[in-house]
Amino acid sequence: MTSRLLMPVRPVRVRAGEAPATEVAGSTRPTPILDREHPLVTALVARVLSESEARGAVTDRARLQVAHGILVTAVRPVYSVEDRRRVSRTLRLGRGSCSQRMAVLEAVARSLGVETRVRGLLVDGSFWYPRFPKLRAFVPAEVLLAWPEFHLDAAGTADGGDGAGRAWVPIAELFTGLAPAEHGGGFTNSGAETLFEAVARTTVDWDAPAACAGSAPCDLSAHLRTDLGRFTSRDELFARHGQTMCRTARTLAEPVLGRWSAGAGGGAPTRSAA
């Protein structure tokens, strides 16, 4: 049982697997959400570059892996429902949802000169049942997920120069060579680990490729209701399709969910002092 009362009215959509095939360009420009020129963001980028140099991370992919690791520890995972929150505010608060932390990684990438775009995915609300076992009636019927993609050197060993040899790499493929069976199993959407952390540990795929089709832990395709296609920015995605919850629901839920630590379970939320 899921709820549609909390959701905005969305335009008519294509079904899963029928997203428009038109190629969509990415961008390195700042946006209202990806406010990469804010001092808090530039300070984070400086830290990423410093730690990357210390670790010998010289490619864009390697630098983004460093940035991801920093964000795992610097931004605490919570269930915030404000997907259009500015990256700088997420950094100021020191906490954020998967979507908000992915946005921070996108802002870092754009600051490094790496083009980004997002894929719009409408995921079945039941995918989040393990996190809210006592609140299933309030889980939206479908959750809009902005899944980032980064324009990186296809081999992951050089910076690509003029763009030749580059390819669009989903966030789940930033960390290559992962095998679920060797890394503690696939992502279950329960406990303290969120999608943002999981991509560094195990394979996560919404398309059920041959390598992990069927019941393999990395295959999340059964949870995908609709593929909305690609967008130049998450700003464009949310402007066209709205956020997961309607404005009234977000206003009522954010004060609680915005401080509710991921992994706290479906009972009383665990709040931070921040």
C-alpha atoms as a PDB file:
ATOM      1  CA  MET A   1       0.000   0.000   0.000  1.00  0.00           C
ATOM      2  CA  THR A   2       1.376   3.376  -1.040  1.00  0.00           C
ATOM      3  CA  SER A   3      -0.040   6.884  -1.126  1.00  0.00           C
ATOM      4  CA  ARG A   4      -0.802   9.172  -4.074  1.00  0.00           C
ATOM      5  CA  LEU A   5      -2.309  11.884  -1.892  1.00  0.00           C
ATOM      6  CA  LEU A   6       1.176  13.216  -1.088  1.00  0.00           C
ATOM      7  CA  MET A   7       2.250  13.460  -4.705  1.00  0.00           C
ATOM      8  CA  PRO A   8       1.950  16.259  -7.291  1.00  0.00           C
ATOM      9  CA  VAL A   9      -0.016  15.802 -10.507  1.00  0.00           C
ATOM     10  CA  ARG A  10       2.464  14.706 -13.166  1.00  0.00           C
ATOM     11  CA  PRO A  11       2.224  15.002 -16.951  1.00  0.00           C
ATOM     12  CA  VAL A  12       1.521  11.922 -19.083  1.00  0.00           C
ATOM     13  CA  ARG A  13       4.649   9.757 -19.153  1.00  0.00           C
ATOM     14  CA  VAL A  14       6.115   6.975 -21.211  1.00  0.00           C
ATOM     15  CA  ARG A  15       6.396   3.567 -19.618  1.00  0.00           C
ATOM     16  CA  ALA A  16       9.562   1.990 -18.296  1.00  0.00           C
ATOM     17  CA  GLY A  17      11.978   1.223 -21.107  1.00  0.00           C
ATOM     18  CA  GLU A  18      10.342   3.704 -23.507  1.00  0.00           C
ATOM     19  CA  ALA A  19      12.193   6.891 -22.604  1.00  0.00           C
ATOM     20  CA  PRO A  20      12.958   9.287 -25.495  1.00  0.00           C
ATOM     21  CA  ALA A  21      16.102   8.174 -27.319  1.00  0.00           C
ATOM     22  CA  THR A  22      17.221  11.710 -28.200  1.00  0.00           C
ATOM     23  CA  GLU A  23      20.762  12.426 -27.039  1.00  0.00           C
ATOM     24  CA  VAL A  24      20.870  15.096 -24.339  1.00  0.00           C
ATOM     25  CA  ALA A  25      23.872  17.318 -23.785  1.00  0.00           C
ATOM     26  CA  GLY A  26      25.303  17.905 -20.364  1.00  0.00           C
ATOM     27  CA  SER A  27      26.742  21.091 -18.951  1.00  0.00           C
ATOM     28  CA  THR A  28      29.322  22.493 -16.546  1.00  0.00           C
ATOM     29  CA  ARG A  29      27.298  25.637 -15.857  1.00  0.00           C
ATOM     30  CA  PRO A  30      26.034  26.510 -12.371  1.00  0.00           C
ATOM     31  CA  THR A  31      22.282  26.243 -11.759  1.00  0.00           C
ATOM     32  CA  PRO A  32      20.054  27.319  -8.869  1.00  0.00           C
ATOM     33  CA  ILE A  33      20.494  23.838  -7.342  1.00  0.00           C
ATOM     34  CA  LEU A  34      24.091  23.285  -8.445  1.00  0.00           C
ATOM     35  CA  ASP A  35      25.381  26.615  -7.151  1.00  0.00           C
ATOM     36  CA  ARG A  36      29.004  25.616  -7.674  1.00  0.00           C
ATOM     37  CA  GLU A  37      30.312  29.183  -7.340  1.00  0.00           C
ATOM     38  CA  HIS A  38      29.218  29.444  -3.701  1.00  0.00           C
ATOM     39  CA  PRO A  39      32.162  29.696  -1.238  1.00  0.00           C
ATOM     40  CA  LEU A  40      31.148  26.481   0.540  1.00  0.00           C
ATOM     41  CA  VAL A  41      31.238  24.587  -2.753  1.00  0.00           C
ATOM     42  CA  THR A  42      34.528  26.103  -3.885  1.00  0.00           C
ATOM     43  CA  ALA A  43      36.031  25.210  -0.492  1.00  0.00           C
ATOM     44  CA  LEU A  44      34.883  21.608  -0.940  1.00  0.00           C
ATOM     45  CA  VAL A  45      36.376  21.502  -4.438  1.00  0.00           C
ATOM     46  CA  ALA A  46      39.676  22.818  -3.073  1.00  0.00           C
ATOM     47  CA  ARG A  47      39.647  20.009  -0.501  1.00  0.00           C
ATOM     48  CA  VAL A  48      38.910  17.454  -3.211  1.00  0.00           C
ATOM     49  CA  LEU A  49      41.820  18.685  -5.316  1.00  0.00           C
ATOM     50  CA  SER A  50      44.165  18.710  -2.332  1.00  0.00           C
ATOM     51  CA  GLU A  51      43.273  15.172  -1.246  1.00  0.00           C
ATOM     52  CA  SER A  52      43.344  13.956  -4.847  1.00  0.00           C
ATOM     53  CA  GLU A  53      46.869  15.268  -5.267  1.00  0.00           C
ATOM     54  CA  ALA A  54      47.936  13.608  -2.027  1.00  0.00           C
ATOM     55  CA  ARG A  55      46.506  10.277  -3.199  1.00  0.00           C
ATOM     56  CA  GLY A  56      47.820  10.524  -6.749  1.00  0.00           C
ATOM     57  CA  ALA A  57      44.290  10.740  -8.168  1.00  0.00           C
ATOM     58  CA  VAL A  58      44.940  12.436 -11.504  1.00  0.00           C
ATOM     59  CA  THR A  59      41.899  11.563 -13.635  1.00  0.00           C
ATOM     60  CA  ASP A  60      38.449  13.109 -13.387  1.00  0.00           C
ATOM     61  CA  ARG A  61      36.996   9.727 -12.411  1.00  0.00           C
ATOM     62  CA  ALA A  62      39.541   9.326  -9.606  1.00  0.00           C
ATOM     63  CA  ARG A  63      38.889  12.849  -8.329  1.00  0.00           C
ATOM     64  CA  LEU A  64      35.154  12.190  -8.237  1.00  0.00           C
ATOM     65  CA  GLN A  65      35.803   9.005  -6.279  1.00  0.00           C
ATOM     66  CA  VAL A  66      37.757  11.106  -3.776  1.00  0.00           C
ATOM     67  CA  ALA A  67      34.898  13.630  -3.643  1.00  0.00           C
ATOM     68  CA  HIS A  68      32.386  10.839  -3.049  1.00  0.00           C
ATOM     69  CA  GLY A  69      34.426   9.526  -0.134  1.00  0.00           C
ATOM     70  CA  ILE A  70      34.607  12.991   1.423  1.00  0.00           C
ATOM     71  CA  LEU A  71      30.850  13.468   1.132  1.00  0.00           C
ATOM     72  CA  VAL A  72      30.097  10.078   2.719  1.00  0.00           C
ATOM     73  CA  THR A  73      31.698  11.316   5.931  1.00  0.00           C
ATOM     74  CA  ALA A  74      31.027  15.063   5.683  1.00  0.00           C
ATOM     75  CA  VAL A  75      27.284  15.031   4.872  1.00  0.00           C
ATOM     76  CA  ARG A  76      25.131  12.860   7.134  1.00  0.00           C
ATOM     77  CA  PRO A  77      22.410  10.835   5.355  1.00  0.00           C
ATOM     78  CA  VAL A  78      18.831  11.851   6.199  1.00  0.00           C
ATOM     79  CA  TYR A  79      15.414  11.534   4.539  1.00  0.00           C
ATOM     80  CA  SER A  80      15.034  15.133   3.398  1.00  0.00           C
ATOM     81  CA  VAL A  81      12.308  15.584   0.768  1.00  0.00           C
ATOM     82  CA  GLU A  82      13.469  18.928  -0.686  1.00  0.00           C
ATOM     83  CA  ASP A  83      15.107  17.770  -3.915  1.00  0.00           C
ATOM     84  CA  ARG A  84      15.549  21.332  -5.194  1.00  0.00           C
ATOM     85  CA  ARG A  85      17.644  22.384  -2.213  1.00  0.00           C
ATOM     86  CA  ARG A  86      20.798  24.292  -3.140  1.00  0.00           C
ATOM     87  CA  VAL A  87      24.039  22.370  -2.834  1.00  0.00           C
ATOM     88  CA  SER A  88      25.498  25.112  -0.639  1.00  0.00           C
ATOM     89  CA  ARG A  89      22.658  24.690   1.878  1.00  0.00           C
ATOM     90  CA  THR A  90      23.225  20.932   2.031  1.00  0.00           C
ATOM     91  CA  LEU A  91      26.881  21.604   2.822  1.00  0.00           C
ATOM     92  CA  ARG A  92      25.970  24.232   5.409  1.00  0.00           C
ATOM     93  CA  LEU A  93      23.579  21.856   7.179  1.00  0.00           C
ATOM     94  CA  GLY A  94      25.995  18.936   6.967  1.00  0.00           C
ATOM     95  CA  ARG A  95      23.177  16.530   6.171  1.00  0.00           C
ATOM     96  CA  GLY A  96      21.241  15.530   3.090  1.00  0.00           C
ATOM     97  CA  SER A  97      19.242  12.903   1.270  1.00  0.00           C
ATOM     98  CA  CYS A  98      20.707  10.666  -1.437  1.00  0.00           C
ATOM     99  CA  SER A  99      19.430  13.099  -4.042  1.00  0.00           C
ATOM    100  CA  GLN A 100      20.946  16.106  -2.279  1.00  0.00           C
ATOM    101  CA  ARG A 101      24.327  14.432  -1.838  1.00  0.00           C
ATOM    102  CA  MET A 102      24.334  13.345  -5.474  1.00  0.00           C
ATOM    103  CA  ALA A 103      23.681  16.987  -6.364  1.00  0.00           C
ATOM    104  CA  VAL A 104      26.761  18.000  -4.361  1.00  0.00           C
ATOM    105  CA  LEU A 105      28.836  15.487  -6.338  1.00  0.00           C
ATOM    106  CA  GLU A 106      27.453  16.931  -9.573  1.00  0.00           C
ATOM    107  CA  ALA A 107      28.402  20.450  -8.468  1.00  0.00           C
ATOM    108  CA  VAL A 108      31.945  19.261  -7.706  1.00  0.00           C
ATOM    109  CA  ALA A 109      32.144  17.593 -11.125  1.00  0.00           C
ATOM    110  CA  ARG A 110      31.021  20.755 -12.911  1.00  0.00           C
ATOM    111  CA  SER A 111      33.600  22.751 -10.950  1.00  0.00           C
ATOM    112  CA  LEU A 112      36.246  20.317 -12.213  1.00  0.00           C
ATOM    113  CA  GLY A 113      35.129  20.906 -15.791  1.00  0.00           C
ATOM    114  CA  VAL A 114      33.229  17.609 -16.083  1.00  0.00           C
ATOM    115  CA  GLU A 115      29.855  17.880 -17.801  1.00  0.00           C
ATOM    116  CA  THR A 116      26.940  16.322 -15.939  1.00  0.00           C
ATOM    117  CA  ARG A 117      23.336  15.481 -16.715  1.00  0.00           C
ATOM    118  CA  VAL A 118      20.675  13.382 -14.973  1.00  0.00           C
ATOM    119  CA  ARG A 119      18.387  10.530 -15.880  1.00  0.00           C
ATOM    120  CA  GLY A 120      14.873  10.852 -14.488  1.00  0.00           C
ATOM    121  CA  LEU A 121      13.664   7.628 -12.864  1.00  0.00           C
ATOM    122  CA  LEU A 122      10.285   7.014 -11.271  1.00  0.00           C
ATOM    123  CA  VAL A 123      10.895   4.224  -8.774  1.00  0.00           C
ATOM    124  CA  ASP A 124       8.130   2.218  -7.096  1.00  0.00           C
ATOM    125  CA  GLY A 125       7.520   3.448  -3.566  1.00  0.00           C
ATOM    126  CA  SER A 126       7.624  -0.105  -2.241  1.00  0.00           C
ATOM    127  CA  PHE A 127      11.392  -0.003  -2.812  1.00  0.00           C
ATOM    128  CA  TRP A 128      11.532   2.151   0.344  1.00  0.00           C
ATOM    129  CA  TYR A 129       9.329  -0.107   2.498  1.00  0.00           C
ATOM    130  CA  PRO A 130      12.331  -1.639   4.348  1.00  0.00           C
ATOM    131  CA  ARG A 131      13.162   1.844   5.642  1.00  0.00           C
ATOM    132  CA  PHE A 132       9.627   2.668   6.806  1.00  0.00           C
ATOM    133  CA  PRO A 133       8.010  -0.633   7.888  1.00  0.00           C
ATOM    134  CA  LYS A 134       5.521   1.116  10.185  1.00  0.00           C
ATOM    135  CA  LEU A 135       4.766   4.021   7.849  1.00  0.00           C
ATOM    136  CA  ARG A 136       4.071   2.281   4.554  1.00  0.00           C
ATOM    137  CA  ALA A 137       0.734   4.031   4.113  1.00  0.00           C
ATOM    138  CA  PHE A 138       2.598   7.350   3.895  1.00  0.00           C
ATOM    139  CA  VAL A 139       5.242   6.254   1.397  1.00  0.00           C
ATOM    140  CA  PRO A 140       4.552   7.905  -2.006  1.00  0.00           C
ATOM    141  CA  ALA A 141       3.417   5.506  -4.723  1.00  0.00           C
ATOM    142  CA  GLU A 142       6.484   6.432  -6.759  1.00  0.00           C
ATOM    143  CA  VAL A 143       9.662   8.351  -6.013  1.00  0.00           C
ATOM    144  CA  LEU A 144      11.307  10.633  -8.564  1.00  0.00           C
ATOM    145  CA  LEU A 145      15.036   9.975  -8.604  1.00  0.00           C
ATOM    146  CA  ALA A 146      17.582  12.173 -10.408  1.00  0.00           C
ATOM    147  CA  TRP A 147      20.309   9.677 -11.347  1.00  0.00           C
ATOM    148  CA  PRO A 148      23.499  11.579 -12.260  1.00  0.00           C
ATOM    149  CA  GLU A 149      25.703  10.862 -15.258  1.00  0.00           C
ATOM    150  CA  PHE A 150      29.226  12.238 -15.784  1.00  0.00           C
ATOM    151  CA  HIS A 151      31.000  12.825 -19.109  1.00  0.00           C
ATOM    152  CA  LEU A 152      34.303  11.051 -18.488  1.00  0.00           C
ATOM    153  CA  ASP A 153      37.134   9.482 -20.428  1.00  0.00           C
ATOM    154  CA  ALA A 154      35.828   6.100 -21.505  1.00  0.00           C
ATOM    155  CA  ALA A 155      38.941   4.282 -20.299  1.00  0.00           C
ATOM    156  CA  GLY A 156      39.099   6.159 -17.008  1.00  0.00           C
ATOM    157  CA  THR A 157      42.854   6.676 -17.363  1.00  0.00           C
ATOM    158  CA  ALA A 158      43.127  10.155 -18.870  1.00  0.00           C
ATOM    159  CA  ASP A 159      41.297  13.450 -18.909  1.00  0.00           C
ATOM    160  CA  GLY A 160      40.099  13.260 -22.486  1.00  0.00           C
ATOM    161  CA  GLY A 161      41.229  16.690 -23.690  1.00  0.00           C
ATOM    162  CA  ASP A 162      38.891  17.777 -26.459  1.00  0.00           C
ATOM    163  CA  GLY A 163      36.231  15.241 -25.493  1.00  0.00           C
ATOM    164  CA  ALA A 164      37.371  12.471 -27.856  1.00  0.00           C
ATOM    165  CA  GLY A 165      36.964   9.047 -26.288  1.00  0.00           C
ATOM    166  CA  ARG A 166      34.587  10.269 -23.621  1.00  0.00           C
ATOM    167  CA  ALA A 167      31.376   8.558 -22.567  1.00  0.00           C
ATOM    168  CA  TRP A 168      28.482   9.162 -20.211  1.00  0.00           C
ATOM    169  CA  VAL A 169      29.127   7.292 -16.971  1.00  0.00           C
ATOM    170  CA  PRO A 170      26.242   6.835 -14.464  1.00  0.00           C
ATOM    171  CA  ILE A 171      27.083   7.422 -10.825  1.00  0.00           C
ATOM    172  CA  ALA A 172      26.849   3.662 -10.207  1.00  0.00           C
ATOM    173  CA  GLU A 173      29.754   3.120 -12.620  1.00  0.00           C
ATOM    174  CA  LEU A 174      32.149   5.652 -11.094  1.00  0.00           C
ATOM    175  CA  PHE A 175      33.592   2.756  -9.119  1.00  0.00           C
ATOM    176  CA  THR A 176      34.383   0.026 -11.624  1.00  0.00           C
ATOM    177  CA  GLY A 177      35.068  -3.677 -11.209  1.00  0.00           C
ATOM    178  CA  LEU A 178      32.618  -4.234  -8.359  1.00  0.00           C
ATOM    179  CA  ALA A 179      31.104  -7.670  -7.806  1.00  0.00           C
ATOM    180  CA  PRO A 180      28.161  -7.890  -5.361  1.00  0.00           C
ATOM    181  CA  ALA A 181      29.120 -11.361  -4.155  1.00  0.00           C
ATOM    182  CA  GLU A 182      32.572 -10.129  -3.199  1.00  0.00           C
ATOM    183  CA  HIS A 183      31.491  -6.932  -1.485  1.00  0.00           C
ATOM    184  CA  GLY A 184      28.919  -8.041   1.052  1.00  0.00           C
ATOM    185  CA  GLY A 185      25.994  -8.538  -1.328  1.00  0.00           C
ATOM    186  CA  GLY A 186      23.845  -6.101  -3.288  1.00  0.00           C
ATOM    187  CA  PHE A 187      22.008  -3.006  -2.149  1.00  0.00           C
ATOM    188  CA  THR A 188      18.898  -3.781  -0.075  1.00  0.00           C
ATOM    189  CA  ASN A 189      17.715  -0.247   0.789  1.00  0.00           C
ATOM    190  CA  SER A 190      17.735  -1.033   4.484  1.00  0.00           C
ATOM    191  CA  GLY A 191      19.964  -0.165   7.399  1.00  0.00           C
ATOM    192  CA  ALA A 192      22.385   2.741   7.456  1.00  0.00           C
ATOM    193  CA  GLU A 193      23.632   2.305   3.892  1.00  0.00           C
ATOM    194  CA  THR A 194      21.882   4.428   1.261  1.00  0.00           C
ATOM    195  CA  LEU A 195      22.168   4.412  -2.516  1.00  0.00           C
ATOM    196  CA  PHE A 196      24.813   7.123  -2.286  1.00  0.00           C
ATOM    197  CA  GLU A 197      27.125   4.950  -0.192  1.00  0.00           C
ATOM    198  CA  ALA A 198      26.251   1.721  -1.993  1.00  0.00           C
ATOM    199  CA  VAL A 199      27.628   2.740  -5.398  1.00  0.00           C
ATOM    200  CA  ALA A 200      31.170   2.668  -3.971  1.00  0.00           C
ATOM    201  CA  ARG A 201      30.711  -0.870  -2.636  1.00  0.00           C
ATOM    202  CA  THR A 202      28.559  -2.829  -5.057  1.00  0.00           C
ATOM    203  CA  THR A 203      26.979  -2.677  -8.495  1.00  0.00           C
ATOM    204  CA  VAL A 204      23.643  -0.833  -8.746  1.00  0.00           C
ATOM    205  CA  ASP A 205      21.770  -1.051 -12.033  1.00  0.00           C
ATOM    206  CA  TRP A 206      18.256  -0.001 -13.063  1.00  0.00           C
ATOM    207  CA  ASP A 207      18.406  -1.613 -16.521  1.00  0.00           C
ATOM    208  CA  ALA A 208      19.027  -5.326 -15.792  1.00  0.00           C
ATOM    209  CA  PRO A 209      21.959  -5.900 -18.152  1.00  0.00           C
ATOM    210  CA  ALA A 210      22.979  -9.469 -18.902  1.00  0.00           C
ATOM    211  CA  ALA A 211      25.694  -9.286 -16.242  1.00  0.00           C
ATOM    212  CA  CYS A 212      23.176  -8.929 -13.419  1.00  0.00           C
ATOM    213  CA  ALA A 213      19.756  -9.681 -14.875  1.00  0.00           C
ATOM    214  CA  GLY A 214      17.036 -11.498 -12.986  1.00  0.00           C
ATOM    215  CA  SER A 215      17.463 -12.053  -9.284  1.00  0.00           C
ATOM    216  CA  ALA A 216      21.090 -10.923  -8.973  1.00  0.00           C
ATOM    217  CA  PRO A 217      21.634  -8.396  -6.131  1.00  0.00           C
ATOM    218  CA  CYS A 218      22.668  -5.582  -8.462  1.00  0.00           C
ATOM    219  CA  ASP A 219      19.467  -5.740 -10.550  1.00  0.00           C
ATOM    220  CA  LEU A 220      16.999  -3.052  -9.430  1.00  0.00           C
ATOM    221  CA  SER A 221      15.043  -2.970 -12.701  1.00  0.00           C
ATOM    222  CA  ALA A 222      11.929  -4.512 -11.153  1.00  0.00           C
ATOM    223  CA  HIS A 223      11.522  -1.364  -9.047  1.00  0.00           C
ATOM    224  CA  LEU A 224      11.662   1.016 -12.021  1.00  0.00           C
ATOM    225  CA  ARG A 225       8.200   2.197 -13.085  1.00  0.00           C
ATOM    226  CA  THR A 226       9.083   4.860 -15.625  1.00  0.00           C
ATOM    227  CA  ASP A 227      12.210   6.067 -17.376  1.00  0.00           C
ATOM    228  CA  LEU A 228      11.698   9.782 -18.045  1.00  0.00           C
ATOM    229  CA  GLY A 229      14.872  10.111 -20.102  1.00  0.00           C
ATOM    230  CA  ARG A 230      17.844  12.427 -19.720  1.00  0.00           C
ATOM    231  CA  PHE A 231      17.933  16.086 -18.725  1.00  0.00           C
ATOM    232  CA  THR A 232      20.740  18.645 -18.897  1.00  0.00           C
ATOM    233  CA  SER A 233      20.330  19.288 -15.182  1.00  0.00           C
ATOM    234  CA  ARG A 234      18.277  18.147 -12.212  1.00  0.00           C
ATOM    235  CA  ASP A 235      16.776  21.641 -12.219  1.00  0.00           C
ATOM    236  CA  GLU A 236      15.247  20.891 -15.614  1.00  0.00           C
ATOM    237  CA  LEU A 237      13.983  17.478 -14.476  1.00  0.00           C
ATOM    238  CA  PHE A 238      12.225  18.833 -11.379  1.00  0.00           C
ATOM    239  CA  ALA A 239      10.871  21.859 -13.233  1.00  0.00           C
ATOM    240  CA  ARG A 240       9.219  19.581 -15.790  1.00  0.00           C
ATOM    241  CA  HIS A 241       8.038  16.718 -13.564  1.00  0.00           C
ATOM    242  CA  GLY A 242       7.828  18.153 -10.061  1.00  0.00           C
ATOM    243  CA  GLN A 243       9.328  16.597  -6.956  1.00  0.00           C
ATOM    244  CA  THR A 244       8.297  13.343  -5.301  1.00  0.00           C
ATOM    245  CA  MET A 245       5.929  15.059  -2.857  1.00  0.00           C
ATOM    246  CA  CYS A 246       3.604  17.979  -3.421  1.00  0.00           C
ATOM    247  CA  ARG A 247       4.515  21.300  -1.818  1.00  0.00           C
ATOM    248  CA  THR A 248       2.130  20.926   1.144  1.00  0.00           C
ATOM    249  CA  ALA A 249       3.447  17.457   1.964  1.00  0.00           C
ATOM    250  CA  ARG A 250       7.050  18.639   1.727  1.00  0.00           C
ATOM    251  CA  THR A 251       6.349  21.583   4.034  1.00  0.00           C
ATOM    252  CA  LEU A 252       4.837  19.305   6.671  1.00  0.00           C
ATOM    253  CA  ALA A 253       7.342  16.464   6.323  1.00  0.00           C
ATOM    254  CA  GLU A 254      10.658  18.274   5.957  1.00  0.00           C
ATOM    255  CA  PRO A 255      11.054  19.439   9.603  1.00  0.00           C
ATOM    256  CA  VAL A 256      10.968  15.777  10.695  1.00  0.00           C
ATOM    257  CA  LEU A 257      12.365  13.835   7.715  1.00  0.00           C
ATOM    258  CA  GLY A 258      15.070  16.423   7.109  1.00  0.00           C
ATOM    259  CA  ARG A 259      16.660  15.436  10.455  1.00  0.00           C
ATOM    260  CA  TRP A 260      15.730  11.761  10.432  1.00  0.00           C
ATOM    261  CA  SER A 261      18.936   9.747  10.068  1.00  0.00           C
ATOM    262  CA  ALA A 262      18.914   7.089   7.365  1.00  0.00           C
ATOM    263  CA  GLY A 263      18.852   3.687   9.013  1.00  0.00           C
ATOM    264  CA  ALA A 264      16.902   4.844  12.039  1.00  0.00           C
ATOM    265  CA  GLY A 265      14.033   2.545  11.062  1.00  0.00           C
ATOM    266  CA  GLY A 266      10.316   3.174  10.803  1.00  0.00           C
ATOM    267  CA  GLY A 267       9.717   4.180  14.397  1.00  0.00           C
ATOM    268  CA  ALA A 268      10.636   7.455  16.033  1.00  0.00           C
ATOM    269  CA  PRO A 269      13.188   9.457  14.046  1.00  0.00           C
ATOM    270  CA  THR A 270      16.706   9.969  15.324  1.00  0.00           C
ATOM    271  CA  ARG A 271      17.398  13.690  15.238  1.00  0.00           C
ATOM    272  CA  SER A 272      20.662  15.507  15.203  1.00  0.00           C
ATOM    273  CA  ALA A 273      21.551  18.523  17.276  1.00  0.00           C
ATOM    274  CA  ALA A 274      22.319  20.498  14.131  1.00  0.00           C
END
